[in-house]
Amino acid sequence: MNEVRIDKWMWAVRIFKTRTVASDACKKGRVLIDNVSVKPSRMIRTGDVIQVRKPPVTFSFKVLALSDKRMGAKLVPQFMENVTPPEQYEILELNKISGFVDRQRGTGRPTKKERRDLEQFTDTFDFDEFDWDE
């Protein structure tokens, strides 16, 4: 096997849960080779470096071997090497640390978890300490 479709390979090495999701990512321009977005039918070879944008992070993977059959998670390191720069993981950590999700205006009511977080946050304030008469 000299070449395999990029959507099949990304699904096979478990970058995406389904092949449809992998194809959609390609169609939306989130999959790049040499900083050029690729179609799902693009054939890849051993040695290619694939960049996958999963906002806010761009992951980079080096193709070590080809497969179009889905494999167990333990076999994945034989087929790809994660070459994502450390700065991308720092961005991911900062997002996790920031905690409360930035909600866009007009996205609807808070979820149950967000409501509980807000209530817990406001319960920590003692509003009787404030002098409201001034």
C-alpha atoms as a PDB file:
ATOM      1  CA  MET A   1       0.000   0.000   0.000  1.00  0.00           C
ATOM      2  CA  ASN A   2       1.751   3.168  -1.242  1.00  0.00           C
ATOM      3  CA  GLU A   3      -1.095   5.654  -0.812  1.00  0.00           C
ATOM      4  CA  VAL A   4      -4.353   5.946   1.096  1.00  0.00           C
ATOM      5  CA  ARG A   5      -7.110   8.563   1.262  1.00  0.00           C
ATOM      6  CA  ILE A   6      -6.562  11.116   3.995  1.00  0.00           C
ATOM      7  CA  ASP A   7     -10.081  10.794   5.402  1.00  0.00           C
ATOM      8  CA  LYS A   8      -9.725   7.008   5.698  1.00  0.00           C
ATOM      9  CA  TRP A   9      -6.321   7.297   7.360  1.00  0.00           C
ATOM     10  CA  MET A  10      -7.448   9.913   9.910  1.00  0.00           C
ATOM     11  CA  TRP A  11     -10.412   7.703  10.810  1.00  0.00           C
ATOM     12  CA  ALA A  12      -8.224   4.575  10.963  1.00  0.00           C
ATOM     13  CA  VAL A  13      -5.710   6.153  13.373  1.00  0.00           C
ATOM     14  CA  ARG A  14      -8.511   7.543  15.540  1.00  0.00           C
ATOM     15  CA  ILE A  15      -8.001  11.272  14.939  1.00  0.00           C
ATOM     16  CA  PHE A  16     -11.727  11.410  14.180  1.00  0.00           C
ATOM     17  CA  LYS A  17     -14.507   9.208  15.505  1.00  0.00           C
ATOM     18  CA  THR A  18     -16.129   8.571  12.117  1.00  0.00           C
ATOM     19  CA  ARG A  19     -15.028   8.831   8.525  1.00  0.00           C
ATOM     20  CA  THR A  20     -17.864  11.267   7.859  1.00  0.00           C
ATOM     21  CA  VAL A  21     -16.503  13.644  10.504  1.00  0.00           C
ATOM     22  CA  ALA A  22     -13.031  13.311   8.957  1.00  0.00           C
ATOM     23  CA  SER A  23     -14.439  14.131   5.501  1.00  0.00           C
ATOM     24  CA  ASP A  24     -16.372  17.112   6.854  1.00  0.00           C
ATOM     25  CA  ALA A  25     -13.224  18.464   8.515  1.00  0.00           C
ATOM     26  CA  CYS A  26     -11.431  18.276   5.163  1.00  0.00           C
ATOM     27  CA  LYS A  27     -14.309  20.002   3.374  1.00  0.00           C
ATOM     28  CA  LYS A  28     -14.333  22.794   5.967  1.00  0.00           C
ATOM     29  CA  GLY A  29     -10.605  23.423   5.439  1.00  0.00           C
ATOM     30  CA  ARG A  30      -9.504  22.163   8.857  1.00  0.00           C
ATOM     31  CA  VAL A  31      -7.054  19.596   7.487  1.00  0.00           C
ATOM     32  CA  LEU A  32      -3.814  20.877   5.956  1.00  0.00           C
ATOM     33  CA  ILE A  33      -0.745  19.399   4.305  1.00  0.00           C
ATOM     34  CA  ASP A  34       2.088  21.885   3.713  1.00  0.00           C
ATOM     35  CA  ASN A  35      -0.250  24.679   4.880  1.00  0.00           C
ATOM     36  CA  VAL A  36      -2.694  23.912   2.045  1.00  0.00           C
ATOM     37  CA  SER A  37      -6.181  22.642   2.845  1.00  0.00           C
ATOM     38  CA  VAL A  38      -6.919  19.267   1.282  1.00  0.00           C
ATOM     39  CA  LYS A  39      -9.966  17.411   0.013  1.00  0.00           C
ATOM     40  CA  PRO A  40     -11.059  14.131   1.649  1.00  0.00           C
ATOM     41  CA  SER A  41      -9.948  12.209  -1.439  1.00  0.00           C
ATOM     42  CA  ARG A  42      -6.338  13.480  -1.210  1.00  0.00           C
ATOM     43  CA  MET A  43      -3.894  10.561  -1.217  1.00  0.00           C
ATOM     44  CA  ILE A  44      -1.192  10.620   1.457  1.00  0.00           C
ATOM     45  CA  ARG A  45       2.141   8.842   1.705  1.00  0.00           C
ATOM     46  CA  THR A  46       4.474   7.833   4.497  1.00  0.00           C
ATOM     47  CA  GLY A  47       6.393  10.856   5.781  1.00  0.00           C
ATOM     48  CA  ASP A  48       3.650  13.445   5.171  1.00  0.00           C
ATOM     49  CA  VAL A  49       2.894  15.848   8.025  1.00  0.00           C
ATOM     50  CA  ILE A  50      -0.813  16.503   8.483  1.00  0.00           C
ATOM     51  CA  GLN A  51      -2.150  19.469  10.427  1.00  0.00           C
ATOM     52  CA  VAL A  52      -5.633  19.178  11.912  1.00  0.00           C
ATOM     53  CA  ARG A  53      -7.336  22.269  13.310  1.00  0.00           C
ATOM     54  CA  LYS A  54      -9.600  21.482  16.230  1.00  0.00           C
ATOM     55  CA  PRO A  55     -10.161  24.979  17.589  1.00  0.00           C
ATOM     56  CA  PRO A  56      -8.438  26.479  19.469  1.00  0.00           C
ATOM     57  CA  VAL A  57      -5.533  24.072  18.770  1.00  0.00           C
ATOM     58  CA  THR A  58      -3.830  22.888  15.577  1.00  0.00           C
ATOM     59  CA  PHE A  59      -2.511  19.344  15.974  1.00  0.00           C
ATOM     60  CA  SER A  60       0.289  18.010  13.746  1.00  0.00           C
ATOM     61  CA  PHE A  61       0.802  14.346  12.918  1.00  0.00           C
ATOM     62  CA  LYS A  62       3.566  12.646  10.943  1.00  0.00           C
ATOM     63  CA  VAL A  63       2.488   9.623   8.896  1.00  0.00           C
ATOM     64  CA  LEU A  64       4.689   6.635   9.807  1.00  0.00           C
ATOM     65  CA  ALA A  65       2.640   3.915   8.081  1.00  0.00           C
ATOM     66  CA  LEU A  66      -0.545   3.666   6.053  1.00  0.00           C
ATOM     67  CA  SER A  67      -3.794   1.883   6.843  1.00  0.00           C
ATOM     68  CA  ASP A  68      -7.395   2.188   5.747  1.00  0.00           C
ATOM     69  CA  LYS A  69      -8.721  -0.179   8.444  1.00  0.00           C
ATOM     70  CA  ARG A  70      -9.660   1.126  11.887  1.00  0.00           C
ATOM     71  CA  MET A  71      -7.295  -0.101  14.577  1.00  0.00           C
ATOM     72  CA  GLY A  72      -7.083  -0.388  18.322  1.00  0.00           C
ATOM     73  CA  ALA A  73      -5.668   2.539  20.254  1.00  0.00           C
ATOM     74  CA  LYS A  74      -2.557   0.558  21.224  1.00  0.00           C
ATOM     75  CA  LEU A  75      -1.535   0.190  17.555  1.00  0.00           C
ATOM     76  CA  VAL A  76      -1.860   3.884  16.670  1.00  0.00           C
ATOM     77  CA  PRO A  77       1.756   4.864  17.633  1.00  0.00           C
ATOM     78  CA  GLN A  78       3.037   2.510  14.899  1.00  0.00           C
ATOM     79  CA  PHE A  79       1.122   4.470  12.251  1.00  0.00           C
ATOM     80  CA  MET A  80       1.557   8.109  13.337  1.00  0.00           C
ATOM     81  CA  GLU A  81       3.741  10.360  15.438  1.00  0.00           C
ATOM     82  CA  ASN A  82       2.305  13.378  17.204  1.00  0.00           C
ATOM     83  CA  VAL A  83       4.576  16.325  16.291  1.00  0.00           C
ATOM     84  CA  THR A  84       2.329  19.069  17.687  1.00  0.00           C
ATOM     85  CA  PRO A  85       4.396  22.018  19.001  1.00  0.00           C
ATOM     86  CA  PRO A  86       4.285  22.556  22.792  1.00  0.00           C
ATOM     87  CA  GLU A  87       2.780  26.045  22.313  1.00  0.00           C
ATOM     88  CA  GLN A  88      -0.435  24.429  21.052  1.00  0.00           C
ATOM     89  CA  TYR A  89      -0.756  22.380  24.243  1.00  0.00           C
ATOM     90  CA  GLU A  90      -0.191  25.553  26.287  1.00  0.00           C
ATOM     91  CA  ILE A  91      -3.180  27.115  24.514  1.00  0.00           C
ATOM     92  CA  LEU A  92      -5.233  24.045  25.406  1.00  0.00           C
ATOM     93  CA  GLU A  93      -4.173  24.258  29.066  1.00  0.00           C
ATOM     94  CA  LEU A  94      -5.032  27.963  29.224  1.00  0.00           C
ATOM     95  CA  ASN A  95      -8.521  27.176  27.941  1.00  0.00           C
ATOM     96  CA  LYS A  96      -8.981  24.486  30.603  1.00  0.00           C
ATOM     97  CA  ILE A  97      -7.726  26.794  33.360  1.00  0.00           C
ATOM     98  CA  SER A  98      -9.980  29.665  32.294  1.00  0.00           C
ATOM     99  CA  GLY A  99     -12.890  27.511  33.474  1.00  0.00           C
ATOM    100  CA  PHE A 100     -16.092  29.355  32.653  1.00  0.00           C
ATOM    101  CA  VAL A 101     -16.911  29.011  28.976  1.00  0.00           C
ATOM    102  CA  ASP A 102     -17.170  32.242  27.020  1.00  0.00           C
ATOM    103  CA  ARG A 103     -20.790  32.314  25.890  1.00  0.00           C
ATOM    104  CA  GLN A 104     -21.626  34.163  22.724  1.00  0.00           C
ATOM    105  CA  ARG A 105     -24.407  36.725  22.960  1.00  0.00           C
ATOM    106  CA  GLY A 106     -27.730  35.247  21.934  1.00  0.00           C
ATOM    107  CA  THR A 107     -26.801  31.591  22.383  1.00  0.00           C
ATOM    108  CA  GLY A 108     -29.711  30.988  24.716  1.00  0.00           C
ATOM    109  CA  ARG A 109     -30.112  30.171  28.354  1.00  0.00           C
ATOM    110  CA  PRO A 110     -27.230  28.880  30.459  1.00  0.00           C
ATOM    111  CA  THR A 111     -26.914  25.131  30.752  1.00  0.00           C
ATOM    112  CA  LYS A 112     -27.626  23.479  34.087  1.00  0.00           C
ATOM    113  CA  LYS A 113     -23.894  23.258  34.831  1.00  0.00           C
ATOM    114  CA  GLU A 114     -23.339  26.921  33.952  1.00  0.00           C
ATOM    115  CA  ARG A 115     -26.302  27.941  36.139  1.00  0.00           C
ATOM    116  CA  ARG A 116     -24.905  25.985  39.094  1.00  0.00           C
ATOM    117  CA  ASP A 117     -21.474  27.554  38.592  1.00  0.00           C
ATOM    118  CA  LEU A 118     -23.040  31.026  38.550  1.00  0.00           C
ATOM    119  CA  GLU A 119     -25.048  30.312  41.709  1.00  0.00           C
ATOM    120  CA  GLN A 120     -21.960  28.957  43.464  1.00  0.00           C
ATOM    121  CA  PHE A 121     -20.012  32.057  42.398  1.00  0.00           C
ATOM    122  CA  THR A 122     -22.673  34.504  43.619  1.00  0.00           C
ATOM    123  CA  ASP A 123     -23.144  32.603  46.915  1.00  0.00           C
ATOM    124  CA  THR A 124     -19.542  33.382  47.825  1.00  0.00           C
ATOM    125  CA  PHE A 125     -20.382  37.114  48.068  1.00  0.00           C
ATOM    126  CA  ASP A 126     -21.985  38.556  51.185  1.00  0.00           C
ATOM    127  CA  PHE A 127     -24.148  41.312  49.752  1.00  0.00           C
ATOM    128  CA  ASP A 128     -24.983  42.634  53.252  1.00  0.00           C
ATOM    129  CA  GLU A 129     -21.430  44.012  53.480  1.00  0.00           C
ATOM    130  CA  PHE A 130     -22.186  46.610  50.808  1.00  0.00           C
ATOM    131  CA  ASP A 131     -23.606  49.942  51.884  1.00  0.00           C
ATOM    132  CA  TRP A 132     -26.441  50.479  49.422  1.00  0.00           C
ATOM    133  CA  ASP A 133     -27.606  53.840  50.864  1.00  0.00           C
ATOM    134  CA  GLU A 134     -24.690  55.859  49.582  1.00  0.00           C
END
